[in-house]
Amino acid sequence: MADILSFKSARKAKARAEKDAQAAENRVKFGRTKGEKQRDAAMKKLAAKQVDAHKRDE
């Protein structure tokens, strides 16, 4: 015999699984470590410093 399923609980389980899948996708897409963020900030600061060093005084 088949198990009896509640449509309400099945619907909630499906929604929970979709939400978990979306969260995993976003972690891969947007997740960066603290070190990566600091490295990018340092590189941006260095690039701005180099641009400012090459400006002419008027």
PDB file of N, CA and C in Angstrom:
ATOM      1  N   MET A   1       0.814  -1.184   0.000  1.00  0.00           N
ATOM      2  CA  MET A   1       0.000   0.000   0.000  1.00  0.00           C
ATOM      3  C   MET A   1       0.865   1.259   0.000  1.00  0.00           C
ATOM      4  N   ALA A   2       0.360   2.301  -0.543  1.00  0.00           N
ATOM      5  CA  ALA A   2       1.098   3.550  -0.641  1.00  0.00           C
ATOM      6  C   ALA A   2       1.014   4.337   0.670  1.00  0.00           C
ATOM      7  N   ASP A   3       2.034   5.122   0.914  1.00  0.00           N
ATOM      8  CA  ASP A   3       2.016   5.993   2.089  1.00  0.00           C
ATOM      9  C   ASP A   3       1.087   7.165   1.837  1.00  0.00           C
ATOM     10  N   ILE A   4       0.452   7.621   2.887  1.00  0.00           N
ATOM     11  CA  ILE A   4      -0.450   8.763   2.777  1.00  0.00           C
ATOM     12  C   ILE A   4       0.377  10.037   2.906  1.00  0.00           C
ATOM     13  N   LEU A   5       0.210  10.940   1.956  1.00  0.00           N
ATOM     14  CA  LEU A   5       0.947  12.201   1.951  1.00  0.00           C
ATOM     15  C   LEU A   5       0.001  13.367   2.171  1.00  0.00           C
ATOM     16  N   SER A   6       0.467  14.308   2.917  1.00  0.00           N
ATOM     17  CA  SER A   6      -0.276  15.542   3.081  1.00  0.00           C
ATOM     18  C   SER A   6       0.230  16.513   2.017  1.00  0.00           C
ATOM     19  N   PHE A   7      -0.672  17.052   1.238  1.00  0.00           N
ATOM     20  CA  PHE A   7      -0.254  17.981   0.191  1.00  0.00           C
ATOM     21  C   PHE A   7       0.396  19.229   0.787  1.00  0.00           C
ATOM     22  N   LYS A   8      -0.082  19.632   1.942  1.00  0.00           N
ATOM     23  CA  LYS A   8       0.472  20.811   2.598  1.00  0.00           C
ATOM     24  C   LYS A   8       1.942  20.594   2.958  1.00  0.00           C
ATOM     25  N   SER A   9       2.240  19.456   3.575  1.00  0.00           N
ATOM     26  CA  SER A   9       3.633  19.195   3.963  1.00  0.00           C
ATOM     27  C   SER A   9       4.504  18.943   2.733  1.00  0.00           C
ATOM     28  N   ALA A  10       3.965  18.318   1.706  1.00  0.00           N
ATOM     29  CA  ALA A  10       4.730  18.085   0.481  1.00  0.00           C
ATOM     30  C   ALA A  10       5.055  19.404  -0.204  1.00  0.00           C
ATOM     31  N   ARG A  11       4.099  20.308  -0.231  1.00  0.00           N
ATOM     32  CA  ARG A  11       4.305  21.617  -0.845  1.00  0.00           C
ATOM     33  C   ARG A  11       5.360  22.410  -0.075  1.00  0.00           C
ATOM     34  N   LYS A  12       5.292  22.347   1.261  1.00  0.00           N
ATOM     35  CA  LYS A  12       6.274  23.055   2.082  1.00  0.00           C
ATOM     36  C   LYS A  12       7.672  22.460   1.912  1.00  0.00           C
ATOM     37  N   ALA A  13       7.764  21.150   1.819  1.00  0.00           N
ATOM     38  CA  ALA A  13       9.059  20.498   1.626  1.00  0.00           C
ATOM     39  C   ALA A  13       9.663  20.877   0.282  1.00  0.00           C
ATOM     40  N   LYS A  14       8.825  20.943  -0.734  1.00  0.00           N
ATOM     41  CA  LYS A  14       9.302  21.332  -2.071  1.00  0.00           C
ATOM     42  C   LYS A  14       9.796  22.774  -2.053  1.00  0.00           C
ATOM     43  N   ALA A  15       9.057  23.669  -1.409  1.00  0.00           N
ATOM     44  CA  ALA A  15       9.463  25.077  -1.322  1.00  0.00           C
ATOM     45  C   ALA A  15      10.769  25.212  -0.547  1.00  0.00           C
ATOM     46  N   ARG A  16      10.907  24.423   0.523  1.00  0.00           N
ATOM     47  CA  ARG A  16      12.131  24.468   1.327  1.00  0.00           C
ATOM     48  C   ARG A  16      13.325  23.994   0.515  1.00  0.00           C
ATOM     49  N   ALA A  17      13.150  22.950  -0.273  1.00  0.00           N
ATOM     50  CA  ALA A  17      14.229  22.426  -1.108  1.00  0.00           C
ATOM     51  C   ALA A  17      14.632  23.442  -2.179  1.00  0.00           C
ATOM     52  N   GLU A  18      13.651  24.114  -2.785  1.00  0.00           N
ATOM     53  CA  GLU A  18      13.960  25.133  -3.791  1.00  0.00           C
ATOM     54  C   GLU A  18      14.699  26.314  -3.164  1.00  0.00           C
ATOM     55  N   LYS A  19      14.281  26.694  -1.959  1.00  0.00           N
ATOM     56  CA  LYS A  19      14.932  27.804  -1.266  1.00  0.00           C
ATOM     57  C   LYS A  19      16.380  27.450  -0.916  1.00  0.00           C
ATOM     58  N   ASP A  20      16.620  26.216  -0.468  1.00  0.00           N
ATOM     59  CA  ASP A  20      17.972  25.764  -0.159  1.00  0.00           C
ATOM     60  C   ASP A  20      18.850  25.736  -1.407  1.00  0.00           C
ATOM     61  N   ALA A  21      18.277  25.304  -2.527  1.00  0.00           N
ATOM     62  CA  ALA A  21      19.033  25.263  -3.777  1.00  0.00           C
ATOM     63  C   ALA A  21      19.414  26.673  -4.222  1.00  0.00           C
ATOM     64  N   GLN A  22      18.481  27.620  -4.086  1.00  0.00           N
ATOM     65  CA  GLN A  22      18.763  29.009  -4.451  1.00  0.00           C
ATOM     66  C   GLN A  22      19.837  29.597  -3.544  1.00  0.00           C
ATOM     67  N   ALA A  23      19.795  29.274  -2.258  1.00  0.00           N
ATOM     68  CA  ALA A  23      20.796  29.766  -1.312  1.00  0.00           C
ATOM     69  C   ALA A  23      22.176  29.224  -1.654  1.00  0.00           C
ATOM     70  N   ALA A  24      22.257  27.961  -2.016  1.00  0.00           N
ATOM     71  CA  ALA A  24      23.536  27.367  -2.401  1.00  0.00           C
ATOM     72  C   ALA A  24      24.082  28.028  -3.659  1.00  0.00           C
ATOM     73  N   GLU A  25      23.210  28.309  -4.607  1.00  0.00           N
ATOM     74  CA  GLU A  25      23.630  28.974  -5.842  1.00  0.00           C
ATOM     75  C   GLU A  25      24.147  30.382  -5.545  1.00  0.00           C
ATOM     76  N   ASN A  26      23.467  31.098  -4.664  1.00  0.00           N
ATOM     77  CA  ASN A  26      23.900  32.455  -4.308  1.00  0.00           C
ATOM     78  C   ASN A  26      25.220  32.439  -3.547  1.00  0.00           C
ATOM     79  N   ARG A  27      25.448  31.427  -2.717  1.00  0.00           N
ATOM     80  CA  ARG A  27      26.724  31.345  -2.001  1.00  0.00           C
ATOM     81  C   ARG A  27      27.875  31.203  -2.978  1.00  0.00           C
ATOM     82  N   VAL A  28      27.671  30.425  -4.014  1.00  0.00           N
ATOM     83  CA  VAL A  28      28.715  30.247  -5.022  1.00  0.00           C
ATOM     84  C   VAL A  28      28.886  31.531  -5.841  1.00  0.00           C
ATOM     85  N   LYS A  29      27.773  32.159  -6.166  1.00  0.00           N
ATOM     86  CA  LYS A  29      27.790  33.319  -7.050  1.00  0.00           C
ATOM     87  C   LYS A  29      28.334  34.572  -6.367  1.00  0.00           C
ATOM     88  N   PHE A  30      27.901  34.824  -5.123  1.00  0.00           N
ATOM     89  CA  PHE A  30      28.239  36.081  -4.466  1.00  0.00           C
ATOM     90  C   PHE A  30      29.193  35.933  -3.295  1.00  0.00           C
ATOM     91  N   GLY A  31      29.383  34.743  -2.803  1.00  0.00           N
ATOM     92  CA  GLY A  31      30.182  34.555  -1.595  1.00  0.00           C
ATOM     93  C   GLY A  31      31.660  34.798  -1.830  1.00  0.00           C
ATOM     94  N   ARG A  32      32.231  35.643  -1.007  1.00  0.00           N
ATOM     95  CA  ARG A  32      33.672  35.883  -1.049  1.00  0.00           C
ATOM     96  C   ARG A  32      34.178  35.872   0.384  1.00  0.00           C
ATOM     97  N   THR A  33      35.396  35.419   0.552  1.00  0.00           N
ATOM     98  CA  THR A  33      35.968  35.378   1.888  1.00  0.00           C
ATOM     99  C   THR A  33      36.414  36.772   2.296  1.00  0.00           C
ATOM    100  N   LYS A  34      36.666  36.931   3.580  1.00  0.00           N
ATOM    101  CA  LYS A  34      37.111  38.215   4.108  1.00  0.00           C
ATOM    102  C   LYS A  34      38.457  38.602   3.485  1.00  0.00           C
ATOM    103  N   GLY A  35      39.331  37.627   3.312  1.00  0.00           N
ATOM    104  CA  GLY A  35      40.634  37.877   2.706  1.00  0.00           C
ATOM    105  C   GLY A  35      40.521  38.379   1.274  1.00  0.00           C
ATOM    106  N   GLU A  36      39.598  37.810   0.517  1.00  0.00           N
ATOM    107  CA  GLU A  36      39.399  38.256  -0.861  1.00  0.00           C
ATOM    108  C   GLU A  36      38.897  39.691  -0.900  1.00  0.00           C
ATOM    109  N   LYS A  37      37.980  40.030   0.000  1.00  0.00           N
ATOM    110  CA  LYS A  37      37.463  41.398   0.058  1.00  0.00           C
ATOM    111  C   LYS A  37      38.568  42.376   0.426  1.00  0.00           C
ATOM    112  N   GLN A  38      39.415  42.007   1.393  1.00  0.00           N
ATOM    113  CA  GLN A  38      40.509  42.882   1.798  1.00  0.00           C
ATOM    114  C   GLN A  38      41.536  43.035   0.683  1.00  0.00           C
ATOM    115  N   ARG A  39      41.823  41.948  -0.040  1.00  0.00           N
ATOM    116  CA  ARG A  39      42.773  42.012  -1.144  1.00  0.00           C
ATOM    117  C   ARG A  39      42.258  42.943  -2.240  1.00  0.00           C
ATOM    118  N   ASP A  40      40.976  42.820  -2.579  1.00  0.00           N
ATOM    119  CA  ASP A  40      40.399  43.671  -3.600  1.00  0.00           C
ATOM    120  C   ASP A  40      40.408  45.139  -3.181  1.00  0.00           C
ATOM    121  N   ALA A  41      40.132  45.420  -1.904  1.00  0.00           N
ATOM    122  CA  ALA A  41      40.161  46.795  -1.414  1.00  0.00           C
ATOM    123  C   ALA A  41      41.575  47.355  -1.481  1.00  0.00           C
ATOM    124  N   ALA A  42      42.569  46.546  -1.137  1.00  0.00           N
ATOM    125  CA  ALA A  42      43.961  46.987  -1.195  1.00  0.00           C
ATOM    126  C   ALA A  42      44.393  47.252  -2.631  1.00  0.00           C
ATOM    127  N   MET A  43      43.979  46.393  -3.551  1.00  0.00           N
ATOM    128  CA  MET A  43      44.329  46.592  -4.960  1.00  0.00           C
ATOM    129  C   MET A  43      43.678  47.863  -5.508  1.00  0.00           C
ATOM    130  N   LYS A  44      42.443  48.117  -5.097  1.00  0.00           N
ATOM    131  CA  LYS A  44      41.739  49.325  -5.541  1.00  0.00           C
ATOM    132  C   LYS A  44      42.421  50.576  -4.995  1.00  0.00           C
ATOM    133  N   LYS A  45      42.837  50.507  -3.737  1.00  0.00           N
ATOM    134  CA  LYS A  45      43.528  51.644  -3.114  1.00  0.00           C
ATOM    135  C   LYS A  45      44.878  51.898  -3.794  1.00  0.00           C
ATOM    136  N   LEU A  46      45.602  50.831  -4.118  1.00  0.00           N
ATOM    137  CA  LEU A  46      46.885  50.960  -4.802  1.00  0.00           C
ATOM    138  C   LEU A  46      46.707  51.549  -6.194  1.00  0.00           C
ATOM    139  N   ALA A  47      45.684  51.119  -6.915  1.00  0.00           N
ATOM    140  CA  ALA A  47      45.435  51.637  -8.256  1.00  0.00           C
ATOM    141  C   ALA A  47      45.103  53.130  -8.198  1.00  0.00           C
ATOM    142  N   ALA A  48      44.287  53.534  -7.225  1.00  0.00           N
ATOM    143  CA  ALA A  48      43.945  54.954  -7.080  1.00  0.00           C
ATOM    144  C   ALA A  48      45.187  55.772  -6.735  1.00  0.00           C
ATOM    145  N   LYS A  49      46.060  55.216  -5.901  1.00  0.00           N
ATOM    146  CA  LYS A  49      47.293  55.906  -5.518  1.00  0.00           C
ATOM    147  C   LYS A  49      48.212  56.091  -6.730  1.00  0.00           C
ATOM    148  N   GLN A  50      48.294  55.074  -7.576  1.00  0.00           N
ATOM    149  CA  GLN A  50      49.136  55.160  -8.769  1.00  0.00           C
ATOM    150  C   GLN A  50      48.584  56.185  -9.759  1.00  0.00           C
ATOM    151  N   VAL A  51      47.279  56.251  -9.911  1.00  0.00           N
ATOM    152  CA  VAL A  51      46.665  57.238 -10.810  1.00  0.00           C
ATOM    153  C   VAL A  51      46.934  58.645 -10.292  1.00  0.00           C
ATOM    154  N   ASP A  52      46.772  58.850  -8.988  1.00  0.00           N
ATOM    155  CA  ASP A  52      47.024  60.163  -8.392  1.00  0.00           C
ATOM    156  C   ASP A  52      48.489  60.561  -8.533  1.00  0.00           C
ATOM    157  N   ALA A  53      49.394  59.607  -8.491  1.00  0.00           N
ATOM    158  CA  ALA A  53      50.831  59.903  -8.611  1.00  0.00           C
ATOM    159  C   ALA A  53      51.191  60.371 -10.025  1.00  0.00           C
ATOM    160  N   HIS A  54      50.404  60.003 -11.011  1.00  0.00           N
ATOM    161  CA  HIS A  54      50.711  60.374 -12.397  1.00  0.00           C
ATOM    162  C   HIS A  54      49.974  61.633 -12.862  1.00  0.00           C
ATOM    163  N   LYS A  55      49.265  62.276 -11.967  1.00  0.00           N
ATOM    164  CA  LYS A  55      48.558  63.490 -12.351  1.00  0.00           C
ATOM    165  C   LYS A  55      49.523  64.655 -12.435  1.00  0.00           C
ATOM    166  N   ARG A  56      49.238  65.561 -13.326  1.00  0.00           N
ATOM    167  CA  ARG A  56      50.073  66.747 -13.474  1.00  0.00           C
ATOM    168  C   ARG A  56      49.564  67.852 -12.567  1.00  0.00           C
ATOM    169  N   ASP A  57      50.474  68.631 -12.051  1.00  0.00           N
ATOM    170  CA  ASP A  57      50.116  69.798 -11.258  1.00  0.00           C
ATOM    171  C   ASP A  57      49.958  70.983 -12.201  1.00  0.00           C
ATOM    172  N   GLU A  58      48.943  71.766 -11.949  1.00  0.00           N
ATOM    173  CA  GLU A  58      48.739  72.935 -12.812  1.00  0.00           C
ATOM    174  C   GLU A  58      48.995  74.206 -12.076  1.00  0.00           C
TER     175      GLU A  58
END
